[in-house]
Amino acid sequence: MRIAESILAIILLILQASCGSTQEQPATIEEIAESHVVVLRYRLHEGKLKSISRGTGTVIYTNKRSYIITAKHAAKDISNPQKTDVLEVLSVIGTRYKAKVEQEARYGLDAVVISTKEIKERTKATIRASRLQRDESFIILGSPGPEYTRVSTGKIKHFCGSGFHCRWCPRRRSCVVLDAQIVPGFSGGGMYDRQGRYSGTCVARQSYEVKGPGDAVCITHTSLRELLNKFTRPLR
């Protein structure tokens, strides 16, 4: 009887160790980038479409239509809401999809969900359920210049409202600052944890007044929960 119990205990320990190693297995950049797209905004000027901005987005759900979360300023002119711009999404194989704004985040957060017809060459991101932890490492994807994907990595330095005054979010602890260096083109880019789960959206450089790279400011996934829940299945 004792031998059988010992064998059973050993089997349980092996299974627990196996499950734990699977959970901690980090995602590759290629896996994370499967939900990454480029967001392009144009404006009609003297009869021609003029490029206004180039940002990044994350596919959060796809079924006949693809729903993408990005920074609001990457999808529309927030200084002049009356302006009607042409919005497109560029896929990894170079296909362009006409897009439209579906809904903005509440409380003045710089985030919005846009939609296109289904982007078959992209898959939806897995959304993280747990809260972020200080000093945790993350990956941010951006699309500066002609590059489709650029990667920046870093750890959380500050939570908004905890010793850090944030000009980008009107609600306490809606944003985090990472020591990941970003440049223009990262706006709207997804922030992912080591397991490749979507954990927030990049909206600015902390020192945006200064030219060149700066620390990334990201709105957390928990702050965007209401918006995410409307366009995805329940958070896992």
Protein backbone atom coordinates (compact mmCIF):
# COMPACT_ATOMS: atom_id res chain seq x y z
CA MET A 1 0.00 0.00 0.00
CA ARG A 2 2.79 2.41 0.93
CA ILE A 3 4.63 1.55 -2.32
CA ALA A 4 1.51 2.37 -4.38
CA GLU A 5 1.06 5.67 -2.52
CA SER A 6 4.72 6.56 -3.11
CA ILE A 7 4.43 5.80 -6.83
CA LEU A 8 1.26 7.92 -7.06
CA ALA A 9 2.98 10.81 -5.27
CA ILE A 10 5.93 10.65 -7.67
CA ILE A 11 3.57 10.65 -10.69
CA LEU A 12 1.75 13.72 -9.32
CA LEU A 13 5.03 15.57 -8.79
CA ILE A 14 6.11 14.79 -12.37
CA LEU A 15 2.78 16.01 -13.75
CA GLN A 16 2.95 19.23 -11.69
CA ALA A 17 6.50 19.89 -12.87
CA SER A 18 5.48 19.25 -16.47
CA CYS A 19 2.51 21.63 -16.26
CA GLY A 20 4.61 24.30 -14.61
CA SER A 21 7.29 24.18 -17.32
CA THR A 22 4.61 24.48 -20.01
CA GLN A 23 3.09 27.56 -18.37
CA GLU A 24 6.45 29.28 -18.05
CA GLN A 25 7.48 28.53 -21.64
CA PRO A 26 8.14 31.97 -23.21
CA ALA A 27 6.56 32.84 -26.55
CA THR A 28 8.76 33.59 -29.56
CA ILE A 29 8.69 36.95 -31.34
CA GLU A 30 7.23 35.20 -34.39
CA GLU A 31 4.32 33.87 -32.30
CA ILE A 32 3.67 37.25 -30.69
CA ALA A 33 3.77 39.06 -34.06
CA GLU A 34 0.97 36.88 -35.49
CA SER A 35 -1.58 39.45 -34.25
CA HIS A 36 0.44 42.53 -35.26
CA VAL A 37 -0.70 44.92 -38.03
CA VAL A 38 0.24 48.37 -39.35
CA VAL A 39 -2.37 51.16 -39.09
CA LEU A 40 -2.22 53.86 -41.80
CA ARG A 41 -4.13 57.15 -41.87
CA TYR A 42 -4.56 59.36 -44.94
CA ARG A 43 -6.25 62.68 -45.71
CA LEU A 44 -7.51 64.04 -49.02
CA HIS A 45 -5.37 67.03 -50.00
CA GLU A 46 -5.73 68.77 -53.37
CA GLY A 47 -7.41 65.73 -54.84
CA LYS A 48 -4.77 63.29 -53.60
CA LEU A 49 -4.49 61.13 -50.51
CA LYS A 50 -1.70 62.36 -48.25
CA SER A 51 -0.16 60.15 -45.57
CA ILE A 52 -0.89 61.58 -42.12
CA SER A 53 0.35 58.94 -39.69
CA ARG A 54 1.67 55.41 -39.40
CA GLY A 55 0.92 53.40 -36.28
CA THR A 56 0.48 49.87 -35.06
CA GLY A 57 -2.38 47.69 -33.88
CA THR A 58 -3.21 44.32 -32.32
CA VAL A 59 -5.89 41.97 -33.66
CA ILE A 60 -8.04 41.06 -30.65
CA TYR A 61 -10.81 39.14 -32.43
CA THR A 62 -11.52 37.91 -35.94
CA ASN A 63 -14.66 36.30 -37.33
CA LYS A 64 -15.78 37.60 -40.75
CA ARG A 65 -14.40 40.94 -39.55
CA SER A 66 -11.14 41.62 -37.73
CA TYR A 67 -11.19 43.89 -34.67
CA ILE A 68 -7.99 45.74 -33.84
CA ILE A 69 -7.05 47.77 -30.79
CA THR A 70 -4.75 50.73 -31.34
CA ALA A 71 -4.02 54.23 -30.03
CA LYS A 72 -6.83 56.69 -30.72
CA HIS A 73 -4.43 59.27 -32.14
CA ALA A 74 -3.19 56.65 -34.64
CA ALA A 75 -6.73 56.13 -35.96
CA LYS A 76 -8.19 59.66 -35.97
CA ASP A 77 -7.33 63.33 -35.61
CA ILE A 78 -7.99 63.91 -31.92
CA SER A 79 -7.16 67.63 -32.17
CA ASN A 80 -9.81 68.09 -34.88
CA PRO A 81 -12.50 65.37 -34.58
CA GLN A 82 -14.47 66.86 -37.49
CA LYS A 83 -11.78 65.81 -39.96
CA THR A 84 -12.67 62.63 -41.82
CA ASP A 85 -9.56 60.63 -42.68
CA VAL A 86 -9.11 57.46 -44.69
CA LEU A 87 -8.04 54.58 -42.45
CA GLU A 88 -6.28 51.45 -43.68
CA VAL A 89 -4.69 48.38 -42.14
CA LEU A 90 -1.63 46.82 -43.75
CA SER A 91 -1.13 43.08 -43.34
CA VAL A 92 2.16 41.22 -43.18
CA ILE A 93 1.95 40.20 -46.87
CA GLY A 94 1.28 43.77 -48.01
CA THR A 95 -2.50 43.59 -48.42
CA ARG A 96 -4.34 46.82 -47.55
CA TYR A 97 -7.73 46.72 -45.85
CA LYS A 98 -10.08 49.67 -45.51
CA ALA A 99 -10.84 50.21 -41.82
CA LYS A 100 -13.28 52.16 -39.68
CA VAL A 101 -13.44 53.23 -36.05
CA GLU A 102 -15.83 51.05 -34.02
CA GLN A 103 -15.55 52.49 -30.52
CA GLU A 104 -13.30 54.66 -28.39
CA ALA A 105 -12.20 53.80 -24.87
CA ARG A 106 -14.02 55.60 -22.07
CA TYR A 107 -12.60 58.12 -19.58
CA GLY A 108 -10.52 59.87 -22.23
CA LEU A 109 -8.03 57.01 -22.61
CA ASP A 110 -6.01 57.14 -25.83
CA ALA A 111 -7.29 53.84 -27.23
CA VAL A 112 -9.83 52.77 -29.84
CA VAL A 113 -11.04 49.61 -31.57
CA ILE A 114 -11.13 49.69 -35.37
CA SER A 115 -12.40 47.01 -37.74
CA THR A 116 -11.76 45.70 -41.23
CA LYS A 117 -12.95 42.73 -43.21
CA GLU A 118 -11.30 39.57 -41.93
CA ILE A 119 -7.50 39.60 -42.22
CA LYS A 120 -6.90 35.92 -42.91
CA GLU A 121 -3.11 36.16 -42.61
CA ARG A 122 -3.38 37.41 -39.01
CA THR A 123 -4.62 35.67 -35.85
CA LYS A 124 -6.10 37.18 -32.71
CA ALA A 125 -3.99 37.82 -29.64
CA THR A 126 -4.49 36.03 -26.35
CA ILE A 127 -5.43 38.59 -23.71
CA ARG A 128 -3.80 38.45 -20.30
CA ALA A 129 -6.16 38.15 -17.33
CA SER A 130 -3.90 38.95 -14.36
CA ARG A 131 -2.67 42.39 -13.32
CA LEU A 132 0.79 43.67 -14.18
CA GLN A 133 3.63 43.48 -11.70
CA ARG A 134 6.43 45.99 -11.12
CA ASP A 135 9.77 44.99 -12.70
CA GLU A 136 8.00 42.48 -14.95
CA SER A 137 9.47 42.27 -18.48
CA PHE A 138 7.41 43.01 -21.60
CA ILE A 139 7.76 43.20 -25.37
CA ILE A 140 6.34 46.05 -27.48
CA LEU A 141 5.84 45.79 -31.24
CA GLY A 142 5.97 48.84 -33.49
CA SER A 143 6.07 49.74 -37.19
CA PRO A 144 8.38 52.74 -37.66
CA GLY A 145 9.27 53.90 -41.17
CA PRO A 146 9.25 51.18 -43.81
CA GLU A 147 9.67 48.39 -41.24
CA TYR A 148 6.67 46.12 -40.71
CA THR A 149 7.78 45.00 -37.26
CA ARG A 150 10.31 46.33 -34.79
CA VAL A 151 10.69 44.96 -31.27
CA SER A 152 11.53 46.79 -28.05
CA THR A 153 11.77 45.13 -24.64
CA GLY A 154 11.82 46.51 -21.13
CA LYS A 155 10.55 46.38 -17.57
CA ILE A 156 7.90 48.41 -15.77
CA LYS A 157 9.48 51.47 -14.13
CA HIS A 158 6.37 53.26 -12.87
CA PHE A 159 2.64 52.85 -12.45
CA CYS A 160 0.71 56.04 -13.11
CA GLY A 161 -0.36 57.59 -9.82
CA SER A 162 2.31 55.88 -7.71
CA GLY A 163 5.04 58.48 -7.54
CA PHE A 164 4.69 59.28 -11.25
CA HIS A 165 2.43 61.95 -12.76
CA CYS A 166 1.10 60.82 -16.14
CA ARG A 167 -0.22 63.33 -18.69
CA TRP A 168 -1.66 60.60 -20.91
CA CYS A 169 -4.30 59.01 -18.71
CA PRO A 170 -6.97 60.75 -16.64
CA ARG A 171 -7.45 57.76 -14.36
CA ARG A 172 -5.09 56.58 -11.63
CA ARG A 173 -2.99 53.52 -12.56
CA SER A 174 -4.34 53.34 -16.11
CA CYS A 175 -0.82 53.58 -17.58
CA VAL A 176 2.63 52.17 -16.97
CA VAL A 177 6.04 53.43 -18.05
CA LEU A 178 8.51 50.86 -19.37
CA ASP A 179 12.24 51.34 -19.93
CA ALA A 180 11.65 49.96 -23.45
CA GLN A 181 12.92 52.52 -25.94
CA ILE A 182 10.45 53.46 -28.68
CA VAL A 183 10.24 55.93 -31.59
CA PRO A 184 7.34 57.28 -33.69
CA GLY A 185 5.55 54.35 -35.33
CA PHE A 186 5.10 52.44 -32.07
CA SER A 187 1.84 54.27 -31.28
CA GLY A 188 -0.91 51.69 -30.85
CA GLY A 189 1.57 48.83 -30.64
CA GLY A 190 0.73 45.88 -28.43
CA MET A 191 2.55 45.23 -25.15
CA TYR A 192 3.02 41.51 -24.49
CA ASP A 193 4.26 39.49 -21.53
CA ARG A 194 6.76 36.62 -21.75
CA GLN A 195 3.99 34.16 -22.59
CA GLY A 196 2.93 36.32 -25.54
CA ARG A 197 -0.32 37.57 -23.99
CA TYR A 198 -1.59 41.05 -24.88
CA SER A 199 -1.08 43.24 -21.79
CA GLY A 200 -1.64 46.79 -23.01
CA THR A 201 -1.32 49.33 -25.83
CA CYS A 202 1.60 51.71 -26.34
CA VAL A 203 0.46 55.35 -26.67
CA ALA A 204 3.50 57.63 -26.27
CA ARG A 205 7.11 58.22 -25.38
CA GLN A 206 7.48 59.60 -21.87
CA SER A 207 9.84 62.30 -23.17
CA TYR A 208 8.03 62.96 -26.44
CA GLU A 209 9.26 66.59 -26.50
CA VAL A 210 12.79 65.30 -27.12
CA LYS A 211 13.66 63.85 -30.53
CA GLY A 212 14.84 60.26 -30.64
CA PRO A 213 13.96 57.17 -28.58
CA GLY A 214 12.20 57.45 -25.23
CA ASP A 215 10.64 55.28 -22.53
CA ALA A 216 7.31 53.73 -23.57
CA VAL A 217 4.00 54.74 -21.97
CA CYS A 218 1.34 52.02 -22.27
CA ILE A 219 -2.32 51.82 -21.24
CA THR A 220 -2.81 48.56 -19.35
CA HIS A 221 -5.16 45.80 -20.48
CA THR A 222 -7.06 46.01 -17.19
CA SER A 223 -7.84 49.69 -17.84
CA LEU A 224 -9.17 48.69 -21.28
CA ARG A 225 -11.16 45.71 -19.98
CA GLU A 226 -14.57 47.23 -20.80
CA LEU A 227 -13.55 47.96 -24.40
CA LEU A 228 -11.87 44.58 -24.84
CA ASN A 229 -14.84 42.67 -23.44
CA LYS A 230 -17.18 44.27 -25.97
CA PHE A 231 -15.20 42.98 -28.95
CA THR A 232 -13.79 39.69 -27.67
CA ARG A 233 -14.81 36.64 -25.76
CA PRO A 234 -14.44 36.94 -21.94
CA LEU A 235 -10.86 37.43 -20.73
CA ARG A 236 -9.11 34.19 -19.95
